[in-house]
Protein backbone atom coordinates (compact mmCIF):
# COMPACT_ATOMS: atom_id res chain seq x y z
CA UNK A 1 0.00 0.00 0.00
CA UNK A 2 1.39 3.41 -0.93
CA UNK A 3 0.97 6.09 1.74
CA UNK A 4 0.32 9.72 0.89
CA UNK A 5 2.87 12.30 2.08
CA UNK A 6 3.73 15.96 1.46
CA UNK A 7 7.39 15.39 0.51
CA UNK A 8 8.43 15.60 -3.14
CA UNK A 9 10.60 12.65 -4.18
CA UNK A 10 9.74 10.57 -1.12
CA UNK A 11 7.67 7.40 -1.51
CA UNK A 12 6.27 5.61 1.53
CA UNK A 13 5.10 2.00 1.31
CA UNK A 14 3.75 -0.55 3.76
CA UNK A 15 4.24 -4.24 2.98
CA UNK A 16 2.48 -7.10 4.81
CA UNK A 17 3.78 -10.66 4.95
CA UNK A 18 1.16 -12.88 6.52
CA UNK A 19 3.58 -15.83 6.59
CA UNK A 20 1.37 -18.22 4.64
CA UNK A 21 3.91 -18.94 1.90
CA UNK A 22 7.15 -19.52 3.82
CA UNK A 23 7.72 -22.82 2.01
CA UNK A 24 6.43 -24.49 -1.12
CA UNK A 25 7.27 -27.85 0.44
CA UNK A 26 4.15 -29.15 2.23
CA UNK A 27 6.34 -31.00 4.74
CA UNK A 28 7.79 -27.68 5.99
CA UNK A 29 4.54 -25.69 6.35
CA UNK A 30 4.06 -24.21 9.84
CA UNK A 31 0.91 -24.59 11.87
CA UNK A 32 -1.07 -21.34 12.36
CA UNK A 33 0.02 -21.13 16.02
CA UNK A 34 3.69 -21.23 14.93
CA UNK A 35 3.29 -18.80 12.04
CA UNK A 36 4.24 -15.10 12.30
CA UNK A 37 3.01 -12.07 10.37
CA UNK A 38 4.94 -8.85 9.98
CA UNK A 39 4.54 -5.45 8.38
CA UNK A 40 7.30 -3.15 7.12
CA UNK A 41 7.06 0.62 6.62
CA UNK A 42 9.50 1.68 3.89
CA UNK A 43 10.49 5.28 3.11
CA UNK A 44 12.29 5.63 -0.23
CA UNK A 45 14.16 8.80 -1.22
CA UNK A 46 14.03 9.01 -5.04
CA UNK A 47 16.62 11.83 -5.10
CA UNK A 48 19.54 9.60 -4.09
PDB file of N, CA and C in Angstrom:
ATOM      1  N   UNK A   1       0.845  -1.151   0.000  1.00  0.00           N
ATOM      2  CA  UNK A   1       0.000   0.000   0.000  1.00  0.00           C
ATOM      3  C   UNK A   1       0.904   1.230   0.000  1.00  0.00           C
ATOM      4  N   UNK A   2       0.643   2.153  -0.914  1.00  0.00           N
ATOM      5  CA  UNK A   2       1.394   3.409  -0.930  1.00  0.00           C
ATOM      6  C   UNK A   2       0.706   4.399  -0.004  1.00  0.00           C
ATOM      7  N   UNK A   3       1.493   5.105   0.794  1.00  0.00           N
ATOM      8  CA  UNK A   3       0.973   6.088   1.737  1.00  0.00           C
ATOM      9  C   UNK A   3       1.195   7.491   1.200  1.00  0.00           C
ATOM     10  N   UNK A   4       0.200   8.334   1.339  1.00  0.00           N
ATOM     11  CA  UNK A   4       0.320   9.724   0.888  1.00  0.00           C
ATOM     12  C   UNK A   4       1.239  10.497   1.834  1.00  0.00           C
ATOM     13  N   UNK A   5       2.036  11.411   1.264  1.00  0.00           N
ATOM     14  CA  UNK A   5       2.869  12.300   2.076  1.00  0.00           C
ATOM     15  C   UNK A   5       3.031  13.623   1.341  1.00  0.00           C
ATOM     16  N   UNK A   6       3.573  14.619   2.026  1.00  0.00           N
ATOM     17  CA  UNK A   6       3.734  15.961   1.456  1.00  0.00           C
ATOM     18  C   UNK A   6       5.140  16.219   0.929  1.00  0.00           C
ATOM     19  N   UNK A   7       5.995  15.209   0.900  1.00  0.00           N
ATOM     20  CA  UNK A   7       7.393  15.391   0.511  1.00  0.00           C
ATOM     21  C   UNK A   7       7.618  14.970  -0.929  1.00  0.00           C
ATOM     22  N   UNK A   8       8.118  15.901  -1.748  1.00  0.00           N
ATOM     23  CA  UNK A   8       8.431  15.595  -3.139  1.00  0.00           C
ATOM     24  C   UNK A   8       9.619  14.639  -3.208  1.00  0.00           C
ATOM     25  N   UNK A   9       9.507  13.598  -4.013  1.00  0.00           N
ATOM     26  CA  UNK A   9      10.604  12.650  -4.184  1.00  0.00           C
ATOM     27  C   UNK A   9      10.712  11.604  -3.097  1.00  0.00           C
ATOM     28  N   UNK A  10       9.764  11.573  -2.186  1.00  0.00           N
ATOM     29  CA  UNK A  10       9.745  10.571  -1.121  1.00  0.00           C
ATOM     30  C   UNK A  10       8.525   9.678  -1.332  1.00  0.00           C
ATOM     31  N   UNK A  11       8.758   8.377  -1.368  1.00  0.00           N
ATOM     32  CA  UNK A  11       7.671   7.405  -1.506  1.00  0.00           C
ATOM     33  C   UNK A  11       7.630   6.573  -0.230  1.00  0.00           C
ATOM     34  N   UNK A  12       6.445   6.441   0.342  1.00  0.00           N
ATOM     35  CA  UNK A  12       6.269   5.611   1.533  1.00  0.00           C
ATOM     36  C   UNK A  12       5.389   4.422   1.180  1.00  0.00           C
ATOM     37  N   UNK A  13       5.823   3.234   1.591  1.00  0.00           N
ATOM     38  CA  UNK A  13       5.098   1.995   1.310  1.00  0.00           C
ATOM     39  C   UNK A  13       4.969   1.192   2.593  1.00  0.00           C
ATOM     40  N   UNK A  14       3.889   0.424   2.688  1.00  0.00           N
ATOM     41  CA  UNK A  14       3.750  -0.554   3.761  1.00  0.00           C
ATOM     42  C   UNK A  14       3.536  -1.908   3.102  1.00  0.00           C
ATOM     43  N   UNK A  15       4.297  -2.904   3.551  1.00  0.00           N
ATOM     44  CA  UNK A  15       4.239  -4.244   2.978  1.00  0.00           C
ATOM     45  C   UNK A  15       3.895  -5.225   4.094  1.00  0.00           C
ATOM     46  N   UNK A  16       2.911  -6.089   3.841  1.00  0.00           N
ATOM     47  CA  UNK A  16       2.481  -7.097   4.808  1.00  0.00           C
ATOM     48  C   UNK A  16       2.886  -8.476   4.323  1.00  0.00           C
ATOM     49  N   UNK A  17       3.496  -9.244   5.204  1.00  0.00           N
ATOM     50  CA  UNK A  17       3.784 -10.657   4.951  1.00  0.00           C
ATOM     51  C   UNK A  17       3.006 -11.438   6.000  1.00  0.00           C
ATOM     52  N   UNK A  18       1.963 -12.138   5.561  1.00  0.00           N
ATOM     53  CA  UNK A  18       1.159 -12.885   6.523  1.00  0.00           C
ATOM     54  C   UNK A  18       1.745 -14.253   6.840  1.00  0.00           C
ATOM     55  N   UNK A  19       2.879 -14.605   6.242  1.00  0.00           N
ATOM     56  CA  UNK A  19       3.583 -15.825   6.590  1.00  0.00           C
ATOM     57  C   UNK A  19       3.026 -17.100   6.000  1.00  0.00           C
ATOM     58  N   UNK A  20       2.005 -17.011   5.161  1.00  0.00           N
ATOM     59  CA  UNK A  20       1.372 -18.220   4.640  1.00  0.00           C
ATOM     60  C   UNK A  20       2.208 -18.956   3.606  1.00  0.00           C
ATOM     61  N   UNK A  21       3.154 -18.303   2.969  1.00  0.00           N
ATOM     62  CA  UNK A  21       3.909 -18.942   1.898  1.00  0.00           C
ATOM     63  C   UNK A  21       5.401 -18.980   2.222  1.00  0.00           C
ATOM     64  N   UNK A  22       5.746 -19.416   3.416  1.00  0.00           N
ATOM     65  CA  UNK A  22       7.150 -19.520   3.816  1.00  0.00           C
ATOM     66  C   UNK A  22       7.854 -20.658   3.096  1.00  0.00           C
ATOM     67  N   UNK A  23       7.111 -21.674   2.686  1.00  0.00           N
ATOM     68  CA  UNK A  23       7.717 -22.816   2.008  1.00  0.00           C
ATOM     69  C   UNK A  23       6.738 -23.384   0.998  1.00  0.00           C
ATOM     70  N   UNK A  24       7.264 -23.812  -0.130  1.00  0.00           N
ATOM     71  CA  UNK A  24       6.429 -24.490  -1.119  1.00  0.00           C
ATOM     72  C   UNK A  24       6.416 -26.000  -0.881  1.00  0.00           C
ATOM     73  N   UNK A  25       7.216 -26.439   0.077  1.00  0.00           N
ATOM     74  CA  UNK A  25       7.271 -27.851   0.443  1.00  0.00           C
ATOM     75  C   UNK A  25       6.235 -28.099   1.545  1.00  0.00           C
ATOM     76  N   UNK A  26       5.217 -28.908   1.257  1.00  0.00           N
ATOM     77  CA  UNK A  26       4.148 -29.153   2.228  1.00  0.00           C
ATOM     78  C   UNK A  26       4.658 -29.747   3.539  1.00  0.00           C
ATOM     79  N   UNK A  27       5.795 -30.412   3.520  1.00  0.00           N
ATOM     80  CA  UNK A  27       6.344 -31.004   4.742  1.00  0.00           C
ATOM     81  C   UNK A  27       6.949 -29.955   5.671  1.00  0.00           C
ATOM     82  N   UNK A  28       7.165 -28.733   5.181  1.00  0.00           N
ATOM     83  CA  UNK A  28       7.787 -27.679   5.986  1.00  0.00           C
ATOM     84  C   UNK A  28       6.808 -26.579   6.386  1.00  0.00           C
ATOM     85  N   UNK A  29       5.538 -26.717   6.030  1.00  0.00           N
ATOM     86  CA  UNK A  29       4.544 -25.693   6.352  1.00  0.00           C
ATOM     87  C   UNK A  29       4.343 -25.622   7.866  1.00  0.00           C
ATOM     88  N   UNK A  30       4.268 -24.414   8.409  1.00  0.00           N
ATOM     89  CA  UNK A  30       4.065 -24.213   9.838  1.00  0.00           C
ATOM     90  C   UNK A  30       2.583 -24.226  10.178  1.00  0.00           C
ATOM     91  N   UNK A  31       2.275 -24.664  11.377  1.00  0.00           N
ATOM     92  CA  UNK A  31       0.910 -24.586  11.873  1.00  0.00           C
ATOM     93  C   UNK A  31       0.581 -23.121  12.164  1.00  0.00           C
ATOM     94  N   UNK A  32      -0.709 -22.741  12.113  1.00  0.00           N
ATOM     95  CA  UNK A  32      -1.068 -21.341  12.364  1.00  0.00           C
ATOM     96  C   UNK A  32      -0.516 -20.790  13.685  1.00  0.00           C
ATOM     97  N   UNK A  33      -0.484 -21.604  14.718  1.00  0.00           N
ATOM     98  CA  UNK A  33       0.021 -21.126  16.016  1.00  0.00           C
ATOM     99  C   UNK A  33       1.521 -20.823  15.976  1.00  0.00           C
ATOM    100  N   UNK A  34       2.245 -21.436  15.047  1.00  0.00           N
ATOM    101  CA  UNK A  34       3.690 -21.229  14.929  1.00  0.00           C
ATOM    102  C   UNK A  34       4.055 -20.209  13.857  1.00  0.00           C
ATOM    103  N   UNK A  35       3.073 -19.697  13.160  1.00  0.00           N
ATOM    104  CA  UNK A  35       3.293 -18.797  12.039  1.00  0.00           C
ATOM    105  C   UNK A  35       3.300 -17.344  12.520  1.00  0.00           C
ATOM    106  N   UNK A  36       4.150 -16.519  11.941  1.00  0.00           N
ATOM    107  CA  UNK A  36       4.236 -15.101  12.297  1.00  0.00           C
ATOM    108  C   UNK A  36       3.873 -14.235  11.100  1.00  0.00           C
ATOM    109  N   UNK A  37       3.259 -13.097  11.379  1.00  0.00           N
ATOM    110  CA  UNK A  37       3.011 -12.072  10.367  1.00  0.00           C
ATOM    111  C   UNK A  37       3.852 -10.859  10.722  1.00  0.00           C
ATOM    112  N   UNK A  38       4.194 -10.066   9.716  1.00  0.00           N
ATOM    113  CA  UNK A  38       4.937  -8.847   9.981  1.00  0.00           C
ATOM    114  C   UNK A  38       4.588  -7.814   8.926  1.00  0.00           C
ATOM    115  N   UNK A  39       4.779  -6.558   9.302  1.00  0.00           N
ATOM    116  CA  UNK A  39       4.537  -5.450   8.383  1.00  0.00           C
ATOM    117  C   UNK A  39       5.772  -4.541   8.418  1.00  0.00           C
ATOM    118  N   UNK A  40       6.130  -4.018   7.244  1.00  0.00           N
ATOM    119  CA  UNK A  40       7.296  -3.152   7.123  1.00  0.00           C
ATOM    120  C   UNK A  40       6.856  -1.818   6.533  1.00  0.00           C
ATOM    121  N   UNK A  41       7.318  -0.731   7.130  1.00  0.00           N
ATOM    122  CA  UNK A  41       7.062   0.618   6.624  1.00  0.00           C
ATOM    123  C   UNK A  41       8.354   1.091   5.968  1.00  0.00           C
ATOM    124  N   UNK A  42       8.324   1.266   4.646  1.00  0.00           N
ATOM    125  CA  UNK A  42       9.503   1.684   3.890  1.00  0.00           C
ATOM    126  C   UNK A  42       9.362   3.142   3.479  1.00  0.00           C
ATOM    127  N   UNK A  43      10.439   3.899   3.598  1.00  0.00           N
ATOM    128  CA  UNK A  43      10.493   5.276   3.113  1.00  0.00           C
ATOM    129  C   UNK A  43      11.637   5.334   2.111  1.00  0.00           C
ATOM    130  N   UNK A  44      11.313   5.641   0.849  1.00  0.00           N
ATOM    131  CA  UNK A  44      12.293   5.629  -0.231  1.00  0.00           C
ATOM    132  C   UNK A  44      12.517   7.056  -0.716  1.00  0.00           C
ATOM    133  N   UNK A  45      13.781   7.487  -0.717  1.00  0.00           N
ATOM    134  CA  UNK A  45      14.155   8.797  -1.224  1.00  0.00           C
ATOM    135  C   UNK A  45      14.555   8.625  -2.687  1.00  0.00           C
ATOM    136  N   UNK A  46      13.770   9.162  -3.615  1.00  0.00           N
ATOM    137  CA  UNK A  46      14.027   9.010  -5.043  1.00  0.00           C
ATOM    138  C   UNK A  46      15.113   9.952  -5.550  1.00  0.00           C
ATOM    139  N   UNK A  47      15.591  10.862  -4.703  1.00  0.00           N
ATOM    140  CA  UNK A  47      16.617  11.827  -5.101  1.00  0.00           C
ATOM    141  C   UNK A  47      18.032  11.289  -4.934  1.00  0.00           C
ATOM    142  N   UNK A  48      18.194  10.147  -4.327  1.00  0.00           N
ATOM    143  CA  UNK A  48      19.543   9.596  -4.091  1.00  0.00           C
ATOM    144  C   UNK A  48      19.903   8.666  -5.225  1.00  0.00           C
TER     145      UNK A  48
END
